[in-house]
């Protein structure tokens, strides 16, 4: 078997792959039936004329029979698993619960809204409390809405529970409902439609993804029609849900206007959703009936939420405090926005493997000045300043890889670290060790992502996060390094290091210096923790001191020939002058040190 390939049977058991292989097997049905007919005819011939068949031909015939009926049995089992989702009771189901929550308030060309960001933030927290894996986007423009919806739909597998919530401006046109991004301009009806997101498209995408339960909650019935005077109707239009297992809940009745509640923290509908999620034991219809009554009371009868349903089974958001457990396969989960300037450009995406959480920050494509920062006197020849363009976005781990995350892939007892702690960065790993880890996680993920180490340019682009200095913050706020990683602060660490390296190491040992939990310092502006200090982080590139004097401007990958590999960021035993975003370290790829670790990058294949 080739490195990185996955046997067929384990892949078929993964929820994300099941529908893909089911469709492939369905396409084989005619061939399977023909083969079955041939086998039956051959069997008859065998019994009637066995004396004419050689021993080899008899064995081949029997093997063909076994293979054919095994394929048919597998196809039947796959069909049963896929189509039976709505007949089960989801009180204690192990189906994965996933939600995408969008809150748009800071509209630029139409009236801004007060509460959607609060609605989304607090609803996301409430959903997490009842076991949902939540992706959140705040003040999303059209490009961001498309990206997060596409990513969310791509994370949904057969049998999953998919919840989509939108708070913000919405409107109806030609009997269809549209959700407005924050950059939607005031325009005619056709233009407004093309600049917004069609609710029916969200629903259709989730249906095609194979979700067993689709729940849409739309707090988007504000009194703003973006110039769509032709429709002449406010609010949102009724929405039929033909696909089984779908539930659509609107903030108010068709054509009605929702109460923005300008004096409160939330819109009335979102407020009721958040409050009702705390109530255990409510089946889906009971849940939304309670929400409806809550909103009716709080608005003195002016607003009545409305819903449409094709659900047959029972679903419970909160059953007596029991939270369904997430599956152990690697699955896209949740996020929080990271602001770049004053627009949403990066998001936190959380995955689970072996029951252990992995956080990634989605980094947008862009350009930056790589290498020595202006005025940085500690730079050497290898930090030659140069302009770099990152042409494709990527996701980089929000923290250094932890010991718990290492064991989630290689199993208990596999952690090679010198210092012990499930939330400490894994260390004492070589570049070669990491390649084994990446091959393993790529096998078990099977999620259309390629997991790898960052290139040097990707690492520095992510570490700088739009900043231009030698560090992205005060060193003691953002990094664990030699002066602060022990039991007491070492004020003269730099001087001691320059004067006597052996005495310097003894001092660190006696002071109890070591790595610390990966989220125990302030992150950079893009939400990345420990890009400086902690442990040196291996990069993909081969090291060459003068490479960046002649490297390509777009997506430099490092030299093609060479031996040593690059590490970045400094560590718990590094002095302050080396804890800089442009500093480069070289090492043999087989070398292990208790200050060497890594974080991973993933990108769509």
Protein backbone atom coordinates (compact mmCIF):
# COMPACT_ATOMS: atom_id res chain seq x y z
CA UNK A 1 0.00 0.00 0.00
CA UNK A 2 1.34 3.45 -0.88
CA UNK A 3 2.16 5.93 1.89
CA UNK A 4 -0.86 8.06 2.67
CA UNK A 5 -3.42 5.69 1.15
CA UNK A 6 -6.33 4.44 3.25
CA UNK A 7 -7.87 0.95 3.04
CA UNK A 8 -11.38 0.89 1.61
CA UNK A 9 -13.23 -0.60 4.58
CA UNK A 10 -12.14 2.00 7.23
CA UNK A 11 -12.98 4.79 4.80
CA UNK A 12 -16.46 3.43 4.27
CA UNK A 13 -17.07 3.55 8.02
CA UNK A 14 -16.28 7.27 8.19
CA UNK A 15 -19.48 9.37 8.13
CA UNK A 16 -18.09 11.98 5.73
CA UNK A 17 -17.10 9.34 3.20
CA UNK A 18 -20.21 7.17 3.46
CA UNK A 19 -22.39 9.12 1.04
CA UNK A 20 -19.57 9.42 -1.50
CA UNK A 21 -19.01 5.66 -1.57
CA UNK A 22 -22.73 4.97 -1.46
CA UNK A 23 -23.20 6.97 -4.64
CA UNK A 24 -20.29 5.13 -6.22
CA UNK A 25 -21.82 1.75 -5.34
CA UNK A 26 -25.22 2.85 -6.60
CA UNK A 27 -23.56 3.50 -9.93
CA UNK A 28 -22.34 -0.12 -9.90
CA UNK A 29 -25.81 -1.61 -9.41
CA UNK A 30 -26.41 -2.52 -13.08
CA UNK A 31 -23.00 -4.18 -13.28
CA UNK A 32 -23.57 -6.02 -10.00
CA UNK A 33 -26.95 -7.30 -11.12
CA UNK A 34 -25.52 -8.46 -14.41
CA UNK A 35 -22.72 -10.19 -12.62
CA UNK A 36 -25.17 -11.81 -10.21
CA UNK A 37 -27.18 -13.14 -13.15
CA UNK A 38 -24.02 -14.46 -14.74
CA UNK A 39 -22.98 -16.14 -11.51
CA UNK A 40 -26.38 -17.78 -11.10
CA UNK A 41 -26.23 -19.05 -14.65
CA UNK A 42 -22.70 -20.27 -14.06
CA UNK A 43 -23.75 -21.97 -10.85
CA UNK A 44 -26.48 -23.83 -12.69
CA UNK A 45 -23.98 -24.84 -15.32
CA UNK A 46 -21.59 -25.98 -12.65
CA UNK A 47 -24.09 -28.33 -11.07
CA UNK A 48 -25.19 -29.66 -14.42
CA UNK A 49 -21.80 -29.98 -16.12
CA UNK A 50 -19.27 -30.00 -13.32
CA UNK A 51 -17.34 -32.74 -15.00
CA UNK A 52 -16.42 -30.29 -17.79
CA UNK A 53 -14.86 -27.67 -15.44
CA UNK A 54 -11.29 -27.75 -14.23
CA UNK A 55 -10.49 -27.31 -10.53
CA UNK A 56 -9.17 -23.77 -11.20
CA UNK A 57 -12.36 -22.77 -13.01
CA UNK A 58 -14.51 -24.05 -10.16
CA UNK A 59 -12.52 -22.01 -7.62
CA UNK A 60 -12.73 -18.87 -9.77
CA UNK A 61 -16.49 -19.31 -10.06
CA UNK A 62 -16.92 -19.69 -6.31
CA UNK A 63 -14.75 -16.61 -5.64
CA UNK A 64 -16.85 -14.57 -8.09
CA UNK A 65 -20.01 -15.62 -6.22
CA UNK A 66 -18.59 -14.58 -2.84
CA UNK A 67 -17.32 -11.23 -4.14
CA UNK A 68 -20.59 -10.38 -5.88
CA UNK A 69 -22.87 -11.07 -2.96
CA UNK A 70 -20.50 -9.31 -0.53
CA UNK A 71 -20.72 -6.16 -2.65
CA UNK A 72 -24.51 -6.40 -2.79
CA UNK A 73 -24.69 -6.86 1.00
CA UNK A 74 -22.45 -3.85 1.57
CA UNK A 75 -24.60 -1.75 -0.74
CA UNK A 76 -27.75 -2.77 1.11
CA UNK A 77 -26.22 -1.94 4.50
CA UNK A 78 -25.03 1.47 3.28
CA UNK A 79 -28.49 2.29 1.97
CA UNK A 80 -30.09 1.28 5.26
CA UNK A 81 -27.68 3.40 7.28
CA UNK A 82 -28.17 6.41 5.03
CA UNK A 83 -31.94 6.44 4.75
CA UNK A 84 -32.83 5.51 8.31
CA UNK A 85 -31.80 8.80 9.95
CA UNK A 86 -35.27 10.31 10.32
CA UNK A 87 -36.79 7.21 11.90
CA UNK A 88 -34.64 7.42 15.00
CA UNK A 89 -35.16 9.40 18.18
CA UNK A 90 -32.40 12.00 18.60
CA UNK A 91 -32.65 12.31 22.35
CA UNK A 92 -29.35 10.53 22.94
CA UNK A 93 -28.10 10.20 19.37
CA UNK A 94 -24.36 10.27 18.61
CA UNK A 95 -25.04 12.32 15.46
CA UNK A 96 -22.74 15.30 15.24
CA UNK A 97 -24.41 18.64 15.97
CA UNK A 98 -23.03 21.53 13.95
CA UNK A 99 -24.14 25.13 13.68
CA UNK A 100 -23.25 28.19 11.63
CA UNK A 101 -24.25 31.45 13.33
CA UNK A 102 -23.97 34.77 11.43
CA UNK A 103 -24.62 38.19 12.98
CA UNK A 104 -24.57 41.22 10.66
CA UNK A 105 -24.97 44.66 12.20
CA UNK A 106 -22.41 47.11 10.73
CA UNK A 107 -24.15 47.75 7.39
CA UNK A 108 -22.47 50.48 5.36
CA UNK A 109 -25.07 51.62 2.82
CA UNK A 110 -28.29 50.66 4.59
CA UNK A 111 -29.33 51.32 8.20
CA UNK A 112 -27.01 49.58 10.68
CA UNK A 113 -28.52 47.36 13.37
CA UNK A 114 -27.89 47.33 17.10
CA UNK A 115 -28.15 43.71 18.24
CA UNK A 116 -27.17 41.06 15.64
CA UNK A 117 -23.57 40.75 16.84
CA UNK A 118 -24.80 40.23 20.40
CA UNK A 119 -27.44 37.80 19.11
CA UNK A 120 -24.84 35.71 17.29
CA UNK A 121 -22.22 35.77 20.06
CA UNK A 122 -24.58 34.74 22.85
CA UNK A 123 -26.52 32.21 20.76
CA UNK A 124 -23.25 30.57 19.68
CA UNK A 125 -22.26 30.22 23.35
CA UNK A 126 -25.67 28.76 24.24
CA UNK A 127 -25.48 26.24 21.40
CA UNK A 128 -22.03 25.11 22.49
CA UNK A 129 -23.43 24.49 25.97
CA UNK A 130 -25.88 21.94 24.51
CA UNK A 131 -23.29 20.11 22.44
CA UNK A 132 -23.18 21.98 19.12
CA UNK A 133 -19.94 22.56 17.26
CA UNK A 134 -20.36 26.19 16.27
CA UNK A 135 -18.95 28.36 13.49
CA UNK A 136 -19.56 32.07 14.05
CA UNK A 137 -19.12 34.98 11.62
CA UNK A 138 -19.72 38.59 12.62
CA UNK A 139 -20.36 41.52 10.26
CA UNK A 140 -19.71 39.33 7.24
CA UNK A 141 -19.49 40.84 3.78
CA UNK A 142 -20.68 38.95 0.69
CA UNK A 143 -17.35 37.20 0.13
CA UNK A 144 -17.12 36.11 3.76
CA UNK A 145 -20.72 34.85 3.82
CA UNK A 146 -20.08 32.71 0.77
CA UNK A 147 -16.86 31.37 2.25
CA UNK A 148 -18.19 30.47 5.70
CA UNK A 149 -21.39 28.94 4.31
CA UNK A 150 -19.42 26.87 1.82
CA UNK A 151 -17.02 25.75 4.56
CA UNK A 152 -19.89 24.89 6.89
CA UNK A 153 -21.75 22.87 4.24
CA UNK A 154 -18.49 21.09 3.40
CA UNK A 155 -18.17 19.99 7.03
CA UNK A 156 -21.61 18.35 7.10
CA UNK A 157 -21.76 14.59 6.66
CA UNK A 158 -24.61 12.08 6.33
CA UNK A 159 -26.65 11.87 9.53
CA UNK A 160 -25.42 15.17 10.98
CA UNK A 161 -27.61 17.81 12.62
CA UNK A 162 -27.06 21.12 10.80
CA UNK A 163 -28.33 24.39 12.31
CA UNK A 164 -28.05 27.71 10.46
CA UNK A 165 -28.87 31.00 12.21
CA UNK A 166 -28.82 34.51 10.73
CA UNK A 167 -29.37 37.80 12.54
CA UNK A 168 -29.36 40.89 10.37
CA UNK A 169 -31.16 42.48 7.45
CA UNK A 170 -33.24 40.22 5.22
CA UNK A 171 -35.85 40.79 2.56
CA UNK A 172 -38.15 38.96 0.19
CA UNK A 173 -38.26 39.35 -3.57
CA UNK A 174 -40.26 37.30 -6.08
CA UNK A 175 -41.49 35.14 -3.17
CA UNK A 176 -37.94 34.17 -2.20
CA UNK A 177 -35.99 35.21 0.89
CA UNK A 178 -32.54 36.82 0.88
CA UNK A 179 -30.00 37.52 3.64
CA UNK A 180 -28.00 40.72 3.34
CA UNK A 181 -24.21 40.95 3.80
CA UNK A 182 -22.90 44.11 5.46
CA UNK A 183 -21.51 45.47 2.17
CA UNK A 184 -24.83 45.30 0.32
CA UNK A 185 -25.46 48.60 -1.46
CA UNK A 186 -28.79 50.37 -1.74
CA UNK A 187 -29.93 49.39 -5.25
CA UNK A 188 -32.86 48.13 -7.31
CA UNK A 189 -34.57 44.82 -6.61
CA UNK A 190 -32.58 42.72 -9.07
CA UNK A 191 -29.29 44.16 -7.85
CA UNK A 192 -30.23 43.53 -4.23
CA UNK A 193 -31.02 39.90 -5.01
CA UNK A 194 -27.69 39.35 -6.73
CA UNK A 195 -25.82 40.98 -3.83
CA UNK A 196 -27.47 38.86 -1.13
CA UNK A 197 -27.61 35.20 -0.12
CA UNK A 198 -30.65 33.12 -1.02
CA UNK A 199 -32.04 31.25 2.00
CA UNK A 200 -33.29 28.41 -0.18
CA UNK A 201 -29.75 27.87 -1.41
CA UNK A 202 -28.47 27.34 2.14
CA UNK A 203 -31.21 24.77 2.68
CA UNK A 204 -30.59 23.01 -0.63
CA UNK A 205 -26.85 22.76 0.02
CA UNK A 206 -27.44 21.17 3.41
CA UNK A 207 -29.91 18.71 1.90
CA UNK A 208 -27.34 17.68 -0.73
CA UNK A 209 -24.70 17.32 2.01
CA UNK A 210 -26.83 14.57 3.55
CA UNK A 211 -27.76 16.19 6.87
CA UNK A 212 -30.42 14.17 8.68
CA UNK A 213 -31.76 17.26 10.47
CA UNK A 214 -31.68 20.80 9.04
CA UNK A 215 -32.77 23.65 11.33
CA UNK A 216 -32.84 27.22 9.99
CA UNK A 217 -33.56 30.10 12.41
CA UNK A 218 -33.90 33.50 10.73
CA UNK A 219 -33.99 36.67 12.80
CA UNK A 220 -33.94 38.70 9.58
CA UNK A 221 -37.39 40.24 9.16
CA UNK A 222 -36.33 43.86 9.63
CA UNK A 223 -38.20 46.69 7.96
CA UNK A 224 -35.76 47.46 5.19
CA UNK A 225 -36.30 46.47 1.56
CA UNK A 226 -33.09 47.81 0.01
CA UNK A 227 -35.09 49.69 -2.59
CA UNK A 228 -37.11 46.63 -3.66
CA UNK A 229 -40.28 48.65 -4.05
CA UNK A 230 -41.57 46.39 -6.78
CA UNK A 231 -42.23 43.59 -4.30
CA UNK A 232 -44.14 46.00 -2.07
CA UNK A 233 -43.92 43.63 0.91
CA UNK A 234 -41.88 43.83 4.10
CA UNK A 235 -40.52 40.95 6.16
CA UNK A 236 -39.85 37.51 4.72
CA UNK A 237 -41.93 35.18 2.56
CA UNK A 238 -43.32 31.76 3.56
CA UNK A 239 -40.89 28.95 2.78
CA UNK A 240 -41.87 25.39 1.93
CA UNK A 241 -39.48 22.66 3.09
CA UNK A 242 -39.98 19.56 1.01
CA UNK A 243 -36.88 17.73 2.21
CA UNK A 244 -37.63 15.43 5.12
CA UNK A 245 -36.04 16.42 8.43
CA UNK A 246 -36.11 20.21 7.83
CA UNK A 247 -37.36 22.87 10.24
CA UNK A 248 -37.41 26.59 9.36
CA UNK A 249 -38.21 29.13 12.08
CA UNK A 250 -38.79 32.81 11.28
CA UNK A 251 -38.70 35.64 13.79
CA UNK A 252 -42.23 36.64 12.86
CA UNK A 253 -45.15 35.71 10.61
CA UNK A 254 -44.88 35.93 6.78
CA UNK A 255 -44.60 39.54 5.66
CA UNK A 256 -44.30 40.70 9.29
CA UNK A 257 -41.61 42.87 10.83
CA UNK A 258 -39.48 41.67 13.77
CA UNK A 259 -38.90 43.83 16.85
CA UNK A 260 -35.28 44.96 16.87
CA UNK A 261 -35.56 45.75 20.62
CA UNK A 262 -33.30 48.83 20.39
CA UNK A 263 -33.12 49.27 24.15
CA UNK A 264 -32.05 45.67 24.83
CA UNK A 265 -29.05 43.44 24.13
CA UNK A 266 -30.84 41.05 21.74
CA UNK A 267 -33.60 41.01 19.17
CA UNK A 268 -36.77 39.50 20.63
CA UNK A 269 -36.55 36.26 18.63
CA UNK A 270 -32.85 35.59 19.29
CA UNK A 271 -33.35 36.44 22.96
CA UNK A 272 -36.09 33.81 23.19
CA UNK A 273 -33.92 31.22 21.42
CA UNK A 274 -31.06 31.79 23.85
CA UNK A 275 -33.34 31.62 26.89
CA UNK A 276 -35.18 28.49 25.73
CA UNK A 277 -31.96 26.58 25.05
CA UNK A 278 -31.47 26.49 28.82
CA UNK A 279 -34.72 24.56 29.30
CA UNK A 280 -34.20 20.75 29.27
CA UNK A 281 -36.63 18.18 27.94
CA UNK A 282 -38.24 20.17 25.09
CA UNK A 283 -38.79 18.27 21.84
CA UNK A 284 -38.24 20.36 18.68
CA UNK A 285 -41.89 21.41 18.23
CA UNK A 286 -42.22 22.13 21.95
CA UNK A 287 -39.02 24.16 21.84
CA UNK A 288 -40.25 26.49 19.10
CA UNK A 289 -43.71 26.69 20.63
CA UNK A 290 -42.03 27.96 23.80
CA UNK A 291 -40.01 30.46 21.73
CA UNK A 292 -43.20 31.60 19.99
CA UNK A 293 -45.01 32.18 23.27
CA UNK A 294 -42.01 33.99 24.74
CA UNK A 295 -41.81 36.44 21.82
CA UNK A 296 -45.60 36.94 21.75
CA UNK A 297 -45.57 37.89 25.45
CA UNK A 298 -42.53 40.18 25.26
CA UNK A 299 -43.98 42.15 22.34
CA UNK A 300 -47.53 42.34 23.72
CA UNK A 301 -48.80 40.29 20.80
CA UNK A 302 -47.20 42.42 18.05
CA UNK A 303 -44.81 39.66 16.91
CA UNK A 304 -45.51 35.94 16.49
CA UNK A 305 -42.68 33.68 15.24
CA UNK A 306 -43.67 31.34 12.45
CA UNK A 307 -42.25 27.99 11.36
CA UNK A 308 -42.43 25.35 8.64
CA UNK A 309 -41.51 21.73 9.27
CA UNK A 310 -41.13 18.36 7.56
CA UNK A 311 -39.72 16.65 10.68
CA UNK A 312 -41.05 13.22 11.68
CA UNK A 313 -38.67 12.08 14.44
CA UNK A 314 -37.96 13.63 17.83
CA UNK A 315 -35.10 16.05 18.35
CA UNK A 316 -34.06 17.61 21.67
CA UNK A 317 -31.69 20.55 22.00
CA UNK A 318 -31.29 19.96 25.73
CA UNK A 319 -32.46 16.68 27.25
CA UNK A 320 -32.21 16.84 31.04
CA UNK A 321 -28.74 18.31 30.78
CA UNK A 322 -27.44 15.41 28.65
CA UNK A 323 -25.14 16.70 25.93
CA UNK A 324 -24.54 14.40 22.94
CA UNK A 325 -20.88 13.54 22.51
CA UNK A 326 -19.04 14.44 19.35
CA UNK A 327 -17.70 11.66 17.16
CA UNK A 328 -14.02 10.79 17.18
CA UNK A 329 -13.41 11.39 13.49
CA UNK A 330 -11.82 14.64 12.36
CA UNK A 331 -14.66 17.04 11.62
CA UNK A 332 -14.87 20.78 11.00
CA UNK A 333 -16.51 22.48 13.94
CA UNK A 334 -16.44 25.99 15.11
CA UNK A 335 -15.12 29.46 14.91
CA UNK A 336 -14.84 33.01 16.08
CA UNK A 337 -13.98 35.96 13.90
CA UNK A 338 -10.65 37.68 13.97
CA UNK A 339 -10.75 41.30 12.81
CA UNK A 340 -8.17 42.57 10.32
CA UNK A 341 -8.58 46.30 10.06
CA UNK A 342 -12.32 46.78 10.34
CA UNK A 343 -13.58 43.83 8.33
CA UNK A 344 -13.91 40.11 8.95
CA UNK A 345 -11.01 38.33 7.27
CA UNK A 346 -10.06 35.34 9.41
CA UNK A 347 -11.95 32.79 11.45
CA UNK A 348 -11.24 30.14 14.05
CA UNK A 349 -12.13 26.63 12.87
CA UNK A 350 -12.17 23.81 15.43
CA UNK A 351 -11.82 20.09 14.69
CA UNK A 352 -11.94 16.98 16.85
CA UNK A 353 -9.84 13.83 16.42
CA UNK A 354 -9.87 11.07 18.97
CA UNK A 355 -12.02 13.30 21.16
CA UNK A 356 -9.28 15.98 21.30
CA UNK A 357 -9.83 19.52 20.06
CA UNK A 358 -7.77 21.09 17.26
CA UNK A 359 -8.15 24.84 16.58
CA UNK A 360 -7.14 26.40 13.27
CA UNK A 361 -7.20 30.04 12.21
CA UNK A 362 -8.13 30.62 8.60
CA UNK A 363 -5.56 33.06 7.18
CA UNK A 364 -6.49 35.07 4.05
CA UNK A 365 -4.22 35.51 1.04
CA UNK A 366 -2.20 38.74 1.10
CA UNK A 367 1.16 40.49 0.88
CA UNK A 368 3.71 41.54 3.48
CA UNK A 369 7.32 42.56 4.07
CA UNK A 370 9.24 39.47 5.18
CA UNK A 371 12.59 39.55 6.97
CA UNK A 372 14.26 42.01 9.30
CA UNK A 373 12.02 44.75 10.66
CA UNK A 374 13.05 48.41 10.38
CA UNK A 375 15.36 49.37 13.24
CA UNK A 376 15.92 45.77 14.41
CA UNK A 377 19.65 45.65 15.21
CA UNK A 378 19.55 41.94 16.12
CA UNK A 379 18.95 40.79 12.52
CA UNK A 380 21.61 38.75 10.71
CA UNK A 381 22.35 38.07 7.04
CA UNK A 382 19.63 35.42 6.84
CA UNK A 383 16.89 37.97 7.58
CA UNK A 384 17.18 39.97 4.35
CA UNK A 385 14.02 42.14 3.96
CA UNK A 386 11.92 41.32 0.90
CA UNK A 387 8.35 41.54 -0.34
CA UNK A 388 6.30 38.32 -0.35
CA UNK A 389 2.86 37.54 -1.75
CA UNK A 390 0.83 34.66 -0.29
CA UNK A 391 -1.49 33.80 -3.18
CA UNK A 392 -3.76 31.31 -1.41
CA UNK A 393 -5.39 31.37 1.99
CA UNK A 394 -4.60 28.58 4.44
CA UNK A 395 -5.50 27.40 7.92
CA UNK A 396 -2.80 27.32 10.59
CA UNK A 397 -3.13 25.82 14.03
CA UNK A 398 -4.05 28.45 16.63
CA UNK A 399 -1.55 27.00 19.10
CA UNK A 400 1.54 24.87 19.02
CA UNK A 401 0.58 21.20 18.82
CA UNK A 402 -0.04 19.88 22.32
CA UNK A 403 0.95 16.60 23.90
CA UNK A 404 -2.73 15.63 24.03
CA UNK A 405 -3.05 16.26 20.30
CA UNK A 406 0.02 14.13 19.61
CA UNK A 407 -1.44 11.21 21.57
CA UNK A 408 -4.83 11.66 19.87
CA UNK A 409 -3.12 10.59 16.63
CA UNK A 410 -0.45 8.12 17.83
CA UNK A 411 -2.22 6.79 20.92
CA UNK A 412 -1.67 6.92 24.71
CA UNK A 413 1.93 6.70 25.83
CA UNK A 414 3.33 7.91 22.50
CA UNK A 415 4.20 11.43 23.71
CA UNK A 416 7.98 11.95 23.39
CA UNK A 417 8.09 15.18 25.44
CA UNK A 418 10.57 15.81 28.26
CA UNK A 419 8.10 18.01 30.16
CA UNK A 420 4.74 16.42 30.96
CA UNK A 421 1.34 18.07 30.49
CA UNK A 422 -1.60 17.46 28.18
CA UNK A 423 -1.89 21.21 27.38
CA UNK A 424 1.85 21.80 27.08
CA UNK A 425 3.35 21.91 23.58
CA UNK A 426 4.72 18.61 22.39
CA UNK A 427 8.53 18.83 22.21
CA UNK A 428 11.56 16.61 21.70
CA UNK A 429 10.29 15.96 18.18
CA UNK A 430 12.44 16.03 15.06
CA UNK A 431 11.39 17.22 11.62
CA UNK A 432 11.39 13.55 10.56
CA UNK A 433 9.11 12.61 13.49
CA UNK A 434 6.65 15.28 12.36
CA UNK A 435 6.49 13.82 8.86
CA UNK A 436 5.25 10.55 10.39
CA UNK A 437 2.64 12.50 12.36
CA UNK A 438 1.44 14.32 9.25
CA UNK A 439 1.16 11.10 7.24
CA UNK A 440 -0.94 9.58 10.03
CA UNK A 441 -3.29 12.56 10.47
CA UNK A 442 -3.80 12.81 6.71
CA UNK A 443 -4.87 9.17 6.74
CA UNK A 444 -7.42 9.47 9.52
CA UNK A 445 -8.79 12.88 8.51
CA UNK A 446 -10.06 12.01 5.00
CA UNK A 447 -11.63 15.49 4.81
CA UNK A 448 -10.23 16.96 1.56
CA UNK A 449 -7.53 18.86 3.46
CA UNK A 450 -3.79 18.36 3.17
CA UNK A 451 -2.11 18.59 6.60
CA UNK A 452 1.50 19.79 6.53
CA UNK A 453 4.08 22.08 8.10
CA UNK A 454 3.94 25.77 7.18
CA UNK A 455 6.47 27.22 4.81
CA UNK A 456 8.74 29.89 6.31
CA UNK A 457 6.88 32.63 4.47
CA UNK A 458 3.48 31.34 5.64
CA UNK A 459 4.76 31.13 9.21
CA UNK A 460 6.08 34.70 9.28
CA UNK A 461 3.01 36.08 7.47
CA UNK A 462 0.76 34.48 10.09
CA UNK A 463 3.03 35.50 12.98
CA UNK A 464 3.16 39.16 11.94
CA UNK A 465 -0.63 39.30 11.48
CA UNK A 466 -0.44 42.65 9.73
CA UNK A 467 2.09 44.17 12.14
CA UNK A 468 5.47 45.53 11.04
CA UNK A 469 7.70 45.36 14.12
CA UNK A 470 10.09 42.73 15.44
CA UNK A 471 7.28 41.39 17.64
CA UNK A 472 3.49 41.66 17.52
CA UNK A 473 3.28 42.80 21.16
CA UNK A 474 5.24 43.29 24.37
CA UNK A 475 7.45 40.23 24.79
CA UNK A 476 6.29 39.44 28.34
CA UNK A 477 2.64 39.60 27.25
CA UNK A 478 2.94 37.33 24.22
CA UNK A 479 5.85 34.91 24.81
CA UNK A 480 7.36 32.43 27.25
CA UNK A 481 11.14 32.86 26.95
CA UNK A 482 14.25 32.56 29.12
CA UNK A 483 13.59 35.57 31.34
CA UNK A 484 10.00 34.66 32.32
CA UNK A 485 9.45 30.91 31.85
CA UNK A 486 10.76 29.89 35.29
CA UNK A 487 9.66 30.27 38.88
CA UNK A 488 11.13 33.77 39.05
CA UNK A 489 12.14 36.37 36.49
CA UNK A 490 15.77 36.34 35.35
CA UNK A 491 16.61 39.98 34.70
CA UNK A 492 20.16 39.34 33.46
CA UNK A 493 19.42 36.37 31.19
CA UNK A 494 20.79 38.10 28.08
CA UNK A 495 24.06 39.09 29.76
CA UNK A 496 24.58 35.64 31.27
CA UNK A 497 23.89 33.99 27.91
CA UNK A 498 26.50 36.09 26.15
CA UNK A 499 29.10 35.58 28.89
CA UNK A 500 28.78 31.88 29.86
CA UNK A 501 26.44 29.52 28.03
CA UNK A 502 26.97 26.65 30.48
CA UNK A 503 26.18 28.88 33.47
CA UNK A 504 23.16 30.21 31.61
CA UNK A 505 21.72 26.71 31.17
CA UNK A 506 22.40 25.84 34.81
CA UNK A 507 20.57 28.98 35.88
CA UNK A 508 17.53 28.04 33.79
CA UNK A 509 17.54 24.53 35.22
CA UNK A 510 17.74 25.74 38.83
CA UNK A 511 15.02 28.32 38.14
CA UNK A 512 12.61 25.69 36.86
CA UNK A 513 12.30 27.14 33.36
CA UNK A 514 10.11 25.10 31.05
CA UNK A 515 7.29 25.35 28.46
CA UNK A 516 3.85 26.45 29.65
CA UNK A 517 0.26 25.79 28.54
CA UNK A 518 -0.24 26.83 24.92
CA UNK A 519 -2.94 29.46 25.58
CA UNK A 520 -1.37 31.11 28.60
CA UNK A 521 -0.10 34.23 26.79
CA UNK A 522 -1.90 36.85 24.72
CA UNK A 523 -2.46 35.89 21.04
CA UNK A 524 -1.41 37.98 18.05
CA UNK A 525 -4.00 40.12 16.19
CA UNK A 526 -5.11 37.10 14.13
CA UNK A 527 -5.77 34.94 17.19
CA UNK A 528 -2.59 32.82 17.05
CA UNK A 529 -1.03 31.89 20.39
CA UNK A 530 2.66 31.36 21.05
CA UNK A 531 4.06 32.30 17.65
CA UNK A 532 6.90 33.71 19.72
CA UNK A 533 8.50 31.74 22.56
CA UNK A 534 7.17 28.46 23.93
CA UNK A 535 8.98 26.05 21.61
CA UNK A 536 10.87 26.58 18.37
CA UNK A 537 8.53 25.63 15.53
CA UNK A 538 9.71 23.47 12.66
CA UNK A 539 8.87 24.72 9.16
CA UNK A 540 8.74 22.81 5.91
CA UNK A 541 11.66 24.61 4.21
CA UNK A 542 15.25 23.60 3.73
CA UNK A 543 17.55 26.21 5.30
CA UNK A 544 19.84 28.43 3.24
CA UNK A 545 21.10 31.69 4.73
CA UNK A 546 20.91 33.80 1.56
CA UNK A 547 17.87 32.15 -0.06
CA UNK A 548 15.60 35.18 0.34
CA UNK A 549 17.97 37.50 -1.54
CA UNK A 550 16.89 35.86 -4.81
CA UNK A 551 13.72 33.94 -3.85
CA UNK A 552 10.48 34.30 -5.85
CA UNK A 553 8.10 36.97 -4.61
CA UNK A 554 5.05 34.72 -4.79
CA UNK A 555 4.79 31.77 -2.37
CA UNK A 556 8.50 31.00 -1.81
CA UNK A 557 8.96 27.35 -0.88
CA UNK A 558 12.62 27.36 0.20
CA UNK A 559 15.64 25.87 -1.59
CA UNK A 560 15.26 22.65 -3.53
CA UNK A 561 18.59 21.19 -2.39
CA UNK A 562 20.04 21.13 1.12
CA UNK A 563 19.98 19.26 4.39
CA UNK A 564 19.11 21.34 7.45
CA UNK A 565 15.54 22.50 8.06
CA UNK A 566 14.23 25.78 9.46
CA UNK A 567 12.74 26.53 12.90
CA UNK A 568 11.04 29.80 13.88
CA UNK A 569 9.84 31.83 16.85
CA UNK A 570 12.24 31.15 19.71
CA UNK A 571 11.48 29.09 22.82
CA UNK A 572 11.23 28.92 26.61
CA UNK A 573 15.03 28.86 26.90
CA UNK A 574 15.74 31.56 24.28
CA UNK A 575 16.93 35.04 25.22
CA UNK A 576 14.83 38.05 24.21
CA UNK A 577 17.07 39.12 21.33
CA UNK A 578 16.25 35.87 19.51
CA UNK A 579 12.49 35.96 20.16
CA UNK A 580 11.55 37.86 17.01
CA UNK A 581 9.22 37.14 14.08
CA UNK A 582 12.06 37.28 11.52
CA UNK A 583 14.61 35.17 13.42
CA UNK A 584 15.63 31.88 11.76
CA UNK A 585 17.21 28.78 13.29
CA UNK A 586 18.66 25.81 11.40
CA UNK A 587 18.88 22.19 12.56
CA UNK A 588 19.41 18.66 11.36
CA UNK A 589 15.96 17.21 10.53
CA UNK A 590 16.69 14.20 12.77
CA UNK A 591 17.56 16.29 15.83
CA UNK A 592 15.30 16.29 18.90
CA UNK A 593 15.41 18.99 21.57
CA UNK A 594 13.07 19.75 24.46
CA UNK A 595 12.67 23.21 22.95
CA UNK A 596 11.65 21.96 19.47
CA UNK A 597 7.96 21.62 18.57
CA UNK A 598 5.60 22.57 15.75
CA UNK A 599 2.14 23.62 14.61
CA UNK A 600 0.40 22.35 11.50
CA UNK A 601 -1.15 23.99 8.47
CA UNK A 602 -3.95 22.57 6.38
CA UNK A 603 -5.20 23.55 2.95
CA UNK A 604 -7.98 22.31 0.67
CA UNK A 605 -6.67 19.76 -1.82
